[in-house]
């Protein structure tokens, strides 16, 4: 019974293509850096879009699916 639940969880994670919370946080940091650059060269509209993307990535990083991907990577040895 437990094996089937674990297999189902792994299958769901693989099929949904979830990103880990770590990678989403890195993407958010990159979005903020890009926004600061665009703002410095006089592109405030593009900077605003980058800030919005950063907020979306931060929100996604705190969702359960991304945390489960991190845990799965940790237990399978991919999270070194």
Protein backbone atom coordinates (compact mmCIF):
# COMPACT_ATOMS: atom_id res chain seq x y z
CA UNK A 1 0.00 0.00 0.00
CA UNK A 2 2.74 2.44 0.92
CA UNK A 3 4.77 1.47 -2.15
CA UNK A 4 1.84 2.24 -4.41
CA UNK A 5 1.40 5.68 -2.83
CA UNK A 6 5.09 6.46 -3.28
CA UNK A 7 5.01 5.30 -6.90
CA UNK A 8 1.90 7.40 -7.51
CA UNK A 9 3.56 10.47 -5.96
CA UNK A 10 6.69 10.01 -8.08
CA UNK A 11 4.58 9.52 -11.19
CA UNK A 12 2.59 12.68 -10.52
CA UNK A 13 5.75 14.71 -9.95
CA UNK A 14 7.31 13.43 -13.14
CA UNK A 15 4.21 14.03 -15.23
CA UNK A 16 3.56 17.55 -13.97
CA UNK A 17 7.16 18.65 -14.54
CA UNK A 18 7.37 20.53 -11.28
CA UNK A 19 10.32 22.79 -10.65
CA UNK A 20 12.07 22.67 -7.32
CA UNK A 21 11.73 25.54 -4.90
CA UNK A 22 15.47 26.16 -5.16
CA UNK A 23 15.36 26.66 -8.92
CA UNK A 24 12.29 28.88 -8.63
CA UNK A 25 14.05 31.05 -6.06
CA UNK A 26 17.05 31.36 -8.38
CA UNK A 27 14.75 32.36 -11.23
CA UNK A 28 13.16 34.99 -8.98
CA UNK A 29 16.60 36.40 -8.13
CA UNK A 30 17.47 36.56 -11.83
CA UNK A 31 14.19 38.33 -12.56
CA UNK A 32 14.97 40.94 -9.91
CA UNK A 33 18.47 41.49 -11.34
CA UNK A 34 16.99 41.89 -14.82
CA UNK A 35 14.38 44.31 -13.50
CA UNK A 36 17.04 46.44 -11.84
CA UNK A 37 19.01 46.51 -15.08
CA UNK A 38 16.00 47.50 -17.18
CA UNK A 39 15.10 50.17 -14.66
CA UNK A 40 18.65 51.58 -14.81
CA UNK A 41 18.56 51.90 -18.61
CA UNK A 42 15.21 53.65 -18.60
CA UNK A 43 12.80 50.79 -19.31
CA UNK A 44 10.37 50.95 -16.34
CA UNK A 45 7.60 48.98 -18.06
CA UNK A 46 9.87 46.01 -18.73
CA UNK A 47 11.27 46.28 -15.21
CA UNK A 48 7.75 46.08 -13.80
CA UNK A 49 7.10 42.89 -15.78
CA UNK A 50 10.30 41.34 -14.42
CA UNK A 51 9.28 42.23 -10.86
CA UNK A 52 5.90 40.56 -11.46
CA UNK A 53 7.64 37.41 -12.73
CA UNK A 54 9.87 37.41 -9.66
CA UNK A 55 6.81 37.55 -7.40
CA UNK A 56 5.17 34.67 -9.31
CA UNK A 57 8.31 32.56 -8.95
CA UNK A 58 8.53 33.29 -5.23
CA UNK A 59 4.88 32.30 -4.79
CA UNK A 60 5.44 29.09 -6.77
CA UNK A 61 8.52 28.26 -4.70
CA UNK A 62 6.41 28.11 -1.56
CA UNK A 63 3.84 25.70 -3.00
CA UNK A 64 3.71 22.10 -1.83
CA UNK A 65 4.58 20.58 -5.21
CA UNK A 66 7.93 22.39 -5.46
CA UNK A 67 8.79 21.45 -1.89
CA UNK A 68 7.99 17.81 -2.65
CA UNK A 69 10.31 17.93 -5.64
CA UNK A 70 13.09 19.20 -3.36
CA UNK A 71 12.43 16.38 -0.90
CA UNK A 72 12.38 13.80 -3.67
CA UNK A 73 15.69 15.12 -5.01
CA UNK A 74 17.16 15.03 -1.53
CA UNK A 75 16.20 11.40 -0.95
CA UNK A 76 17.30 10.23 -4.39
CA UNK A 77 20.71 11.88 -4.10
CA UNK A 78 20.09 14.58 -6.72
CA UNK A 79 19.91 17.36 -4.15
CA UNK A 80 23.62 17.37 -3.24
